[in-house]
PDB file of N, CA and C in Angstrom:
ATOM      1  N   MET A   1      -5.099   6.698   0.563  1.00  0.00           N
ATOM      2  CA  MET A   1      -4.206   5.729   1.183  1.00  0.00           C
ATOM      3  C   MET A   1      -2.879   6.416   1.487  1.00  0.00           C
ATOM      4  N   SER A   2      -2.369   6.183   2.681  1.00  0.00           N
ATOM      5  CA  SER A   2      -1.122   6.828   3.073  1.00  0.00           C
ATOM      6  C   SER A   2       0.064   6.190   2.358  1.00  0.00           C
ATOM      7  N   LEU A   3       1.124   6.949   2.275  1.00  0.00           N
ATOM      8  CA  LEU A   3       2.348   6.476   1.630  1.00  0.00           C
ATOM      9  C   LEU A   3       2.882   5.228   2.347  1.00  0.00           C
ATOM     10  N   LYS A   4       2.842   5.241   3.686  1.00  0.00           N
ATOM     11  CA  LYS A   4       3.323   4.084   4.445  1.00  0.00           C
ATOM     12  C   LYS A   4       2.521   2.830   4.093  1.00  0.00           C
ATOM     13  N   ARG A   5       1.203   2.964   3.966  1.00  0.00           N
ATOM     14  CA  ARG A   5       0.341   1.815   3.633  1.00  0.00           C
ATOM     15  C   ARG A   5       0.720   1.215   2.288  1.00  0.00           C
ATOM     16  N   LEU A   6       1.119   2.054   1.333  1.00  0.00           N
ATOM     17  CA  LEU A   6       1.528   1.550   0.025  1.00  0.00           C
ATOM     18  C   LEU A   6       2.672   0.547   0.142  1.00  0.00           C
ATOM     19  N   PHE A   7       3.555   0.772   1.111  1.00  0.00           N
ATOM     20  CA  PHE A   7       4.724  -0.081   1.286  1.00  0.00           C
ATOM     21  C   PHE A   7       4.504  -1.235   2.255  1.00  0.00           C
ATOM     22  N   THR A   8       3.473  -1.162   3.083  1.00  0.00           N
ATOM     23  CA  THR A   8       3.312  -2.181   4.120  1.00  0.00           C
ATOM     24  C   THR A   8       2.074  -3.053   3.975  1.00  0.00           C
ATOM     25  N   GLU A   9       1.087  -2.632   3.226  1.00  0.00           N
ATOM     26  CA  GLU A   9      -0.169  -3.385   3.151  1.00  0.00           C
ATOM     27  C   GLU A   9       0.040  -4.808   2.625  1.00  0.00           C
ATOM     28  N   HIS A  10       0.705  -4.956   1.496  1.00  0.00           N
ATOM     29  CA  HIS A  10       0.906  -6.295   0.939  1.00  0.00           C
ATOM     30  C   HIS A  10       1.824  -7.154   1.812  1.00  0.00           C
ATOM     31  N   PRO A  11       2.995  -6.665   2.238  1.00  0.00           N
ATOM     32  CA  PRO A  11       3.823  -7.506   3.119  1.00  0.00           C
ATOM     33  C   PRO A  11       3.070  -7.976   4.363  1.00  0.00           C
ATOM     34  N   GLU A  12       2.302  -7.091   4.974  1.00  0.00           N
ATOM     35  CA  GLU A  12       1.533  -7.481   6.160  1.00  0.00           C
ATOM     36  C   GLU A  12       0.478  -8.530   5.826  1.00  0.00           C
ATOM     37  N   SER A  13      -0.062  -8.482   4.610  1.00  0.00           N
ATOM     38  CA  SER A  13      -1.097  -9.447   4.227  1.00  0.00           C
ATOM     39  C   SER A  13      -0.558 -10.865   4.116  1.00  0.00           C
ATOM     40  N   VAL A  14       0.758 -11.002   3.967  1.00  0.00           N
ATOM     41  CA  VAL A  14       1.372 -12.330   3.930  1.00  0.00           C
ATOM     42  C   VAL A  14       2.207 -12.595   5.183  1.00  0.00           C
ATOM     43  N   GLY A  15       1.985 -11.773   6.216  1.00  0.00           N
ATOM     44  CA  GLY A  15       2.621 -12.008   7.506  1.00  0.00           C
ATOM     45  C   GLY A  15       4.083 -11.633   7.590  1.00  0.00           C
ATOM     46  N   GLU A  16       4.495 -10.651   6.827  1.00  0.00           N
ATOM     47  CA  GLU A  16       5.899 -10.232   6.830  1.00  0.00           C
ATOM     48  C   GLU A  16       6.012  -8.728   7.031  1.00  0.00           C
ATOM     49  N   SER A  17       7.175  -8.315   7.521  1.00  0.00           N
ATOM     50  CA  SER A  17       7.470  -6.886   7.578  1.00  0.00           C
ATOM     51  C   SER A  17       7.919  -6.448   6.181  1.00  0.00           C
ATOM     52  N   TYR A  18       8.061  -5.167   5.998  1.00  0.00           N
ATOM     53  CA  TYR A  18       8.527  -4.636   4.715  1.00  0.00           C
ATOM     54  C   TYR A  18       9.879  -5.243   4.348  1.00  0.00           C
ATOM     55  N   PHE A  19      10.821  -5.265   5.294  1.00  0.00           N
ATOM     56  CA  PHE A  19      12.165  -5.747   4.996  1.00  0.00           C
ATOM     57  C   PHE A  19      12.214  -7.269   4.846  1.00  0.00           C
ATOM     58  N   GLU A  20      11.389  -8.002   5.595  1.00  0.00           N
ATOM     59  CA  GLU A  20      11.304  -9.452   5.392  1.00  0.00           C
ATOM     60  C   GLU A  20      10.795  -9.744   3.981  1.00  0.00           C
ATOM     61  N   HIS A  21       9.774  -9.008   3.581  1.00  0.00           N
ATOM     62  CA  HIS A  21       9.204  -9.209   2.254  1.00  0.00           C
ATOM     63  C   HIS A  21      10.209  -8.836   1.165  1.00  0.00           C
ATOM     64  N   MET A  22      10.967  -7.780   1.406  1.00  0.00           N
ATOM     65  CA  MET A  22      11.996  -7.379   0.454  1.00  0.00           C
ATOM     66  C   MET A  22      13.013  -8.507   0.277  1.00  0.00           C
ATOM     67  N   GLY A  23      13.421  -9.117   1.381  1.00  0.00           N
ATOM     68  CA  GLY A  23      14.382 -10.219   1.310  1.00  0.00           C
ATOM     69  C   GLY A  23      13.856 -11.399   0.518  1.00  0.00           C
ATOM     70  N   VAL A  24      12.594 -11.747   0.749  1.00  0.00           N
ATOM     71  CA  VAL A  24      11.988 -12.859   0.010  1.00  0.00           C
ATOM     72  C   VAL A  24      11.922 -12.522  -1.477  1.00  0.00           C
ATOM     73  N   ALA A  25      11.457 -11.333  -1.791  1.00  0.00           N
ATOM     74  CA  ALA A  25      11.346 -10.922  -3.192  1.00  0.00           C
ATOM     75  C   ALA A  25      12.714 -10.915  -3.878  1.00  0.00           C
ATOM     76  N   LEU A  26      13.727 -10.426  -3.184  1.00  0.00           N
ATOM     77  CA  LEU A  26      15.068 -10.413  -3.765  1.00  0.00           C
ATOM     78  C   LEU A  26      15.624 -11.821  -3.934  1.00  0.00           C
ATOM     79  N   SER A  27      15.229 -12.735  -3.041  1.00  0.00           N
ATOM     80  CA  SER A  27      15.716 -14.112  -3.174  1.00  0.00           C
ATOM     81  C   SER A  27      15.096 -14.804  -4.385  1.00  0.00           C
ATOM     82  N   PHE A  28      13.985 -14.275  -4.894  1.00  0.00           N
ATOM     83  CA  PHE A  28      13.402 -14.783  -6.131  1.00  0.00           C
ATOM     84  C   PHE A  28      13.994 -14.060  -7.349  1.00  0.00           C
ATOM     85  N   ALA A  29      14.393 -12.821  -7.179  1.00  0.00           N
ATOM     86  CA  ALA A  29      14.871 -12.005  -8.299  1.00  0.00           C
ATOM     87  C   ALA A  29      16.132 -12.578  -8.947  1.00  0.00           C
ATOM     88  N   GLY A  30      17.095 -12.990  -8.130  1.00  0.00           N
ATOM     89  CA  GLY A  30      18.354 -13.524  -8.680  1.00  0.00           C
ATOM     90  C   GLY A  30      18.134 -14.730  -9.575  1.00  0.00           C
ATOM     91  N   PRO A  31      17.463 -15.768  -9.077  1.00  0.00           N
ATOM     92  CA  PRO A  31      17.213 -16.923  -9.938  1.00  0.00           C
ATOM     93  C   PRO A  31      16.369 -16.591 -11.170  1.00  0.00           C
ATOM     94  N   LEU A  32      15.430 -15.654 -11.041  1.00  0.00           N
ATOM     95  CA  LEU A  32      14.626 -15.273 -12.207  1.00  0.00           C
ATOM     96  C   LEU A  32      15.484 -14.575 -13.267  1.00  0.00           C
ATOM     97  N   ILE A  33      16.403 -13.736 -12.832  1.00  0.00           N
ATOM     98  CA  ILE A  33      17.316 -13.083 -13.787  1.00  0.00           C
ATOM     99  C   ILE A  33      18.170 -14.137 -14.475  1.00  0.00           C
ATOM    100  N   LYS A  34      18.696 -15.087 -13.700  1.00  0.00           N
ATOM    101  CA  LYS A  34      19.500 -16.184 -14.262  1.00  0.00           C
ATOM    102  C   LYS A  34      18.675 -16.977 -15.282  1.00  0.00           C
ATOM    103  N   ALA A  35      17.422 -17.295 -14.941  1.00  0.00           N
ATOM    104  CA  ALA A  35      16.558 -18.041 -15.856  1.00  0.00           C
ATOM    105  C   ALA A  35      16.299 -17.245 -17.133  1.00  0.00           C
ATOM    106  N   GLY A  36      16.091 -15.951 -16.988  1.00  0.00           N
ATOM    107  CA  GLY A  36      15.862 -15.102 -18.153  1.00  0.00           C
ATOM    108  C   GLY A  36      17.065 -15.049 -19.078  1.00  0.00           C
ATOM    109  N   LEU A  37      18.252 -14.957 -18.478  1.00  0.00           N
ATOM    110  CA  LEU A  37      19.474 -14.950 -19.300  1.00  0.00           C
ATOM    111  C   LEU A  37      19.672 -16.293 -19.983  1.00  0.00           C
ATOM    112  N   ALA A  38      19.380 -17.381 -19.271  1.00  0.00           N
ATOM    113  CA  ALA A  38      19.492 -18.711 -19.870  1.00  0.00           C
ATOM    114  C   ALA A  38      18.524 -18.851 -21.041  1.00  0.00           C
ATOM    115  N   ALA A  39      17.311 -18.334 -20.891  1.00  0.00           N
ATOM    116  CA  ALA A  39      16.333 -18.393 -21.978  1.00  0.00           C
ATOM    117  C   ALA A  39      16.801 -17.563 -23.174  1.00  0.00           C
ATOM    118  N   LEU A  40      17.428 -16.433 -22.904  1.00  0.00           N
ATOM    119  CA  LEU A  40      17.958 -15.598 -23.980  1.00  0.00           C
ATOM    120  C   LEU A  40      19.069 -16.327 -24.740  1.00  0.00           C
ATOM    121  N   VAL A  41      19.982 -16.945 -24.012  1.00  0.00           N
ATOM    122  CA  VAL A  41      21.047 -17.737 -24.644  1.00  0.00           C
ATOM    123  C   VAL A  41      20.427 -18.867 -25.458  1.00  0.00           C
ATOM    124  N   HIS A  42      19.453 -19.555 -24.865  1.00  0.00           N
ATOM    125  CA  HIS A  42      18.811 -20.683 -25.536  1.00  0.00           C
ATOM    126  C   HIS A  42      18.094 -20.254 -26.820  1.00  0.00           C
ATOM    127  N   ALA A  43      17.564 -19.045 -26.836  1.00  0.00           N
ATOM    128  CA  ALA A  43      16.872 -18.555 -28.036  1.00  0.00           C
ATOM    129  C   ALA A  43      17.806 -18.505 -29.246  1.00  0.00           C
ATOM    130  N   PHE A  44      19.045 -18.139 -29.013  1.00  0.00           N
ATOM    131  CA  PHE A  44      20.007 -18.025 -30.112  1.00  0.00           C
ATOM    132  C   PHE A  44      20.824 -19.288 -30.317  1.00  0.00           C
ATOM    133  N   LEU A  45      21.057 -20.018 -29.239  1.00  0.00           N
ATOM    134  CA  LEU A  45      21.864 -21.244 -29.293  1.00  0.00           C
ATOM    135  C   LEU A  45      21.055 -22.370 -28.637  1.00  0.00           C
ATOM    136  N   PRO A  46      20.100 -22.953 -29.372  1.00  0.00           N
ATOM    137  CA  PRO A  46      19.151 -23.879 -28.774  1.00  0.00           C
ATOM    138  C   PRO A  46      19.754 -25.143 -28.178  1.00  0.00           C
ATOM    139  N   PHE A  47      21.002 -25.401 -28.451  1.00  0.00           N
ATOM    140  CA  PHE A  47      21.671 -26.572 -27.887  1.00  0.00           C
ATOM    141  C   PHE A  47      22.259 -26.282 -26.505  1.00  0.00           C
ATOM    142  N   LEU A  48      22.205 -25.017 -26.065  1.00  0.00           N
ATOM    143  CA  LEU A  48      22.686 -24.625 -24.733  1.00  0.00           C
ATOM    144  C   LEU A  48      21.497 -24.308 -23.826  1.00  0.00           C
ATOM    145  N   CYS A  49      21.690 -24.482 -22.558  1.00  0.00           N
ATOM    146  CA  CYS A  49      20.682 -24.122 -21.549  1.00  0.00           C
ATOM    147  C   CYS A  49      19.312 -24.715 -21.873  1.00  0.00           C
ATOM    148  N   THR A  50      19.300 -25.987 -22.203  1.00  0.00           N
ATOM    149  CA  THR A  50      18.056 -26.617 -22.666  1.00  0.00           C
ATOM    150  C   THR A  50      16.992 -26.762 -21.585  1.00  0.00           C
ATOM    151  N   SER A  51      17.393 -26.775 -20.326  1.00  0.00           N
ATOM    152  CA  SER A  51      16.379 -26.913 -19.279  1.00  0.00           C
ATOM    153  C   SER A  51      16.585 -25.942 -18.110  1.00  0.00           C
ATOM    154  N   THR A  52      17.556 -25.072 -18.214  1.00  0.00           N
ATOM    155  CA  THR A  52      17.878 -24.158 -17.118  1.00  0.00           C
ATOM    156  C   THR A  52      16.705 -23.273 -16.727  1.00  0.00           C
ATOM    157  N   ALA A  53      16.107 -22.603 -17.696  1.00  0.00           N
ATOM    158  CA  ALA A  53      15.012 -21.675 -17.388  1.00  0.00           C
ATOM    159  C   ALA A  53      13.801 -22.421 -16.838  1.00  0.00           C
ATOM    160  N   SER A  54      13.402 -23.492 -17.487  1.00  0.00           N
ATOM    161  CA  SER A  54      12.197 -24.198 -17.047  1.00  0.00           C
ATOM    162  C   SER A  54      12.384 -24.836 -15.677  1.00  0.00           C
ATOM    163  N   SER A  55      13.553 -25.406 -15.410  1.00  0.00           N
ATOM    164  CA  SER A  55      13.754 -26.025 -14.087  1.00  0.00           C
ATOM    165  C   SER A  55      13.824 -24.965 -12.991  1.00  0.00           C
ATOM    166  N   THR A  56      14.401 -23.814 -13.288  1.00  0.00           N
ATOM    167  CA  THR A  56      14.447 -22.724 -12.308  1.00  0.00           C
ATOM    168  C   THR A  56      13.046 -22.228 -11.987  1.00  0.00           C
ATOM    169  N   VAL A  57      12.228 -22.042 -13.015  1.00  0.00           N
ATOM    170  CA  VAL A  57      10.860 -21.567 -12.801  1.00  0.00           C
ATOM    171  C   VAL A  57      10.060 -22.595 -11.992  1.00  0.00           C
ATOM    172  N   LYS A  58      10.224 -23.873 -12.293  1.00  0.00           N
ATOM    173  CA  LYS A  58       9.521 -24.922 -11.542  1.00  0.00           C
ATOM    174  C   LYS A  58       9.938 -24.919 -10.068  1.00  0.00           C
ATOM    175  N   GLN A  59      11.237 -24.774  -9.814  1.00  0.00           N
ATOM    176  CA  GLN A  59      11.722 -24.738  -8.430  1.00  0.00           C
ATOM    177  C   GLN A  59      11.173 -23.529  -7.691  1.00  0.00           C
ATOM    178  N   LEU A  60      11.186 -22.372  -8.334  1.00  0.00           N
ATOM    179  CA  LEU A  60      10.689 -21.159  -7.685  1.00  0.00           C
ATOM    180  C   LEU A  60       9.184 -21.238  -7.453  1.00  0.00           C
ATOM    181  N   TYR A  61       8.458 -21.820  -8.394  1.00  0.00           N
ATOM    182  CA  TYR A  61       7.016 -21.968  -8.214  1.00  0.00           C
ATOM    183  C   TYR A  61       6.727 -22.855  -7.000  1.00  0.00           C
ATOM    184  N   ALA A  62       7.419 -23.980  -6.902  1.00  0.00           N
ATOM    185  CA  ALA A  62       7.218 -24.886  -5.765  1.00  0.00           C
ATOM    186  C   ALA A  62       7.557 -24.177  -4.459  1.00  0.00           C
ATOM    187  N   ARG A  63       8.631 -23.406  -4.465  1.00  0.00           N
ATOM    188  CA  ARG A  63       9.020 -22.664  -3.264  1.00  0.00           C
ATOM    189  C   ARG A  63       7.970 -21.629  -2.891  1.00  0.00           C
ATOM    190  N   MET A  64       7.421 -20.945  -3.875  1.00  0.00           N
ATOM    191  CA  MET A  64       6.449 -19.894  -3.601  1.00  0.00           C
ATOM    192  C   MET A  64       5.148 -20.461  -3.047  1.00  0.00           C
ATOM    193  N   VAL A  65       4.618 -21.506  -3.667  1.00  0.00           N
ATOM    194  CA  VAL A  65       3.320 -22.007  -3.225  1.00  0.00           C
ATOM    195  C   VAL A  65       3.403 -22.765  -1.907  1.00  0.00           C
ATOM    196  N   ASN A  66       4.583 -23.181  -1.505  1.00  0.00           N
ATOM    197  CA  ASN A  66       4.732 -23.929  -0.258  1.00  0.00           C
ATOM    198  C   ASN A  66       5.276 -23.106   0.895  1.00  0.00           C
ATOM    199  N   ARG A  67       5.547 -21.837   0.651  1.00  0.00           N
ATOM    200  CA  ARG A  67       6.128 -21.031   1.724  1.00  0.00           C
ATOM    201  C   ARG A  67       5.067 -20.549   2.704  1.00  0.00           C
ATOM    202  N   VAL A  68       5.449 -20.510   3.956  1.00  0.00           N
ATOM    203  CA  VAL A  68       4.588 -19.998   5.021  1.00  0.00           C
ATOM    204  C   VAL A  68       5.415 -18.964   5.760  1.00  0.00           C
ATOM    205  N   PRO A  69       4.906 -17.758   5.915  1.00  0.00           N
ATOM    206  CA  PRO A  69       5.675 -16.723   6.613  1.00  0.00           C
ATOM    207  C   PRO A  69       6.044 -17.163   8.023  1.00  0.00           C
ATOM    208  N   ARG A  70       7.187 -16.702   8.487  1.00  0.00           N
ATOM    209  CA  ARG A  70       7.663 -17.039   9.842  1.00  0.00           C
ATOM    210  C   ARG A  70       6.650 -16.670  10.907  1.00  0.00           C
ATOM    211  N   SER A  71       5.957 -15.575  10.693  1.00  0.00           N
ATOM    212  CA  SER A  71       5.031 -15.091  11.712  1.00  0.00           C
ATOM    213  C   SER A  71       3.628 -15.669  11.565  1.00  0.00           C
ATOM    214  N   ALA A  72       3.413 -16.572  10.608  1.00  0.00           N
ATOM    215  CA  ALA A  72       2.071 -17.119  10.406  1.00  0.00           C
ATOM    216  C   ALA A  72       1.716 -18.076  11.531  1.00  0.00           C
ATOM    217  N   PRO A  73       0.523 -17.949  12.078  1.00  0.00           N
ATOM    218  CA  PRO A  73       0.103 -18.894  13.110  1.00  0.00           C
ATOM    219  C   PRO A  73      -0.114 -20.276  12.506  1.00  0.00           C
ATOM    220  N   GLN A  74      -0.076 -21.291  13.328  1.00  0.00           N
ATOM    221  CA  GLN A  74      -0.253 -22.665  12.861  1.00  0.00           C
ATOM    222  C   GLN A  74      -1.573 -22.812  12.102  1.00  0.00           C
ATOM    223  N   SER A  75      -2.589 -22.054  12.497  1.00  0.00           N
ATOM    224  CA  SER A  75      -3.892 -22.149  11.836  1.00  0.00           C
ATOM    225  C   SER A  75      -3.867 -21.585  10.422  1.00  0.00           C
ATOM    226  N   ALA A  76      -2.752 -20.941  10.024  1.00  0.00           N
ATOM    227  CA  ALA A  76      -2.667 -20.386   8.681  1.00  0.00           C
ATOM    228  C   ALA A  76      -2.484 -21.483   7.637  1.00  0.00           C
ATOM    229  N   VAL A  77      -2.197 -22.704   8.071  1.00  0.00           N
ATOM    230  CA  VAL A  77      -2.019 -23.808   7.144  1.00  0.00           C
ATOM    231  C   VAL A  77      -3.151 -24.796   7.357  1.00  0.00           C
ATOM    232  N   LEU A  78      -3.941 -25.000   6.314  1.00  0.00           N
ATOM    233  CA  LEU A  78      -5.073 -25.917   6.381  1.00  0.00           C
ATOM    234  C   LEU A  78      -4.828 -27.065   5.412  1.00  0.00           C
ATOM    235  N   ASP A  79      -4.830 -28.276   5.904  1.00  0.00           N
ATOM    236  CA  ASP A  79      -4.612 -29.458   5.060  1.00  0.00           C
ATOM    237  C   ASP A  79      -3.335 -29.336   4.236  1.00  0.00           C
ATOM    238  N   GLY A  80      -2.294 -28.787   4.826  1.00  0.00           N
ATOM    239  CA  GLY A  80      -1.023 -28.665   4.135  1.00  0.00           C
ATOM    240  C   GLY A  80      -0.948 -27.512   3.159  1.00  0.00           C
ATOM    241  N   MET A  81      -2.014 -26.737   3.021  1.00  0.00           N
ATOM    242  CA  MET A  81      -2.025 -25.618   2.090  1.00  0.00           C
ATOM    243  C   MET A  81      -2.188 -24.316   2.855  1.00  0.00           C
ATOM    244  N   PRO A  82      -1.444 -23.277   2.488  1.00  0.00           N
ATOM    245  CA  PRO A  82      -1.607 -22.001   3.181  1.00  0.00           C
ATOM    246  C   PRO A  82      -2.998 -21.433   2.950  1.00  0.00           C
ATOM    247  N   SER A  83      -3.554 -20.810   3.981  1.00  0.00           N
ATOM    248  CA  SER A  83      -4.889 -20.223   3.845  1.00  0.00           C
ATOM    249  C   SER A  83      -4.817 -18.794   3.334  1.00  0.00           C
ATOM    250  N   TRP A  84      -3.629 -18.316   3.022  1.00  0.00           N
ATOM    251  CA  TRP A  84      -3.442 -16.981   2.488  1.00  0.00           C
ATOM    252  C   TRP A  84      -2.843 -17.100   1.105  1.00  0.00           C
ATOM    253  N   ASP A  85      -2.936 -16.065   0.327  1.00  0.00           N
ATOM    254  CA  ASP A  85      -2.392 -16.067  -1.021  1.00  0.00           C
ATOM    255  C   ASP A  85      -0.890 -15.889  -0.948  1.00  0.00           C
ATOM    256  N   PRO A  86      -0.090 -16.897  -1.394  1.00  0.00           N
ATOM    257  CA  PRO A  86       1.359 -16.825  -1.244  1.00  0.00           C
ATOM    258  C   PRO A  86       2.056 -16.014  -2.339  1.00  0.00           C
ATOM    259  N   VAL A  87       1.340 -15.191  -3.050  1.00  0.00           N
ATOM    260  CA  VAL A  87       1.953 -14.384  -4.106  1.00  0.00           C
ATOM    261  C   VAL A  87       2.900 -13.374  -3.470  1.00  0.00           C
ATOM    262  N   ILE A  88       4.010 -13.150  -4.133  1.00  0.00           N
ATOM    263  CA  ILE A  88       5.008 -12.195  -3.627  1.00  0.00           C
ATOM    264  C   ILE A  88       4.414 -10.818  -3.613  1.00  0.00           C
TER     265      ILE A  88
END
């Protein structure tokens, strides 16, 4: 497998360019870091950040499973569900 394919195969499989996919992945990274820090605080101080991590994860999950790439044809959505695997 070529070096270029290593960087482009997965983004292309979800209908994105390398840089589009990078942007999407980075837009998930910030909230995940915030959720992780909130969980760390909550581990030591259980009265703080009682729902921050779980609500962030729920929001990101909903965003991930409902996203359709900009370049996806209309036929990529069947019965309201994407016909491709929306994993980052």
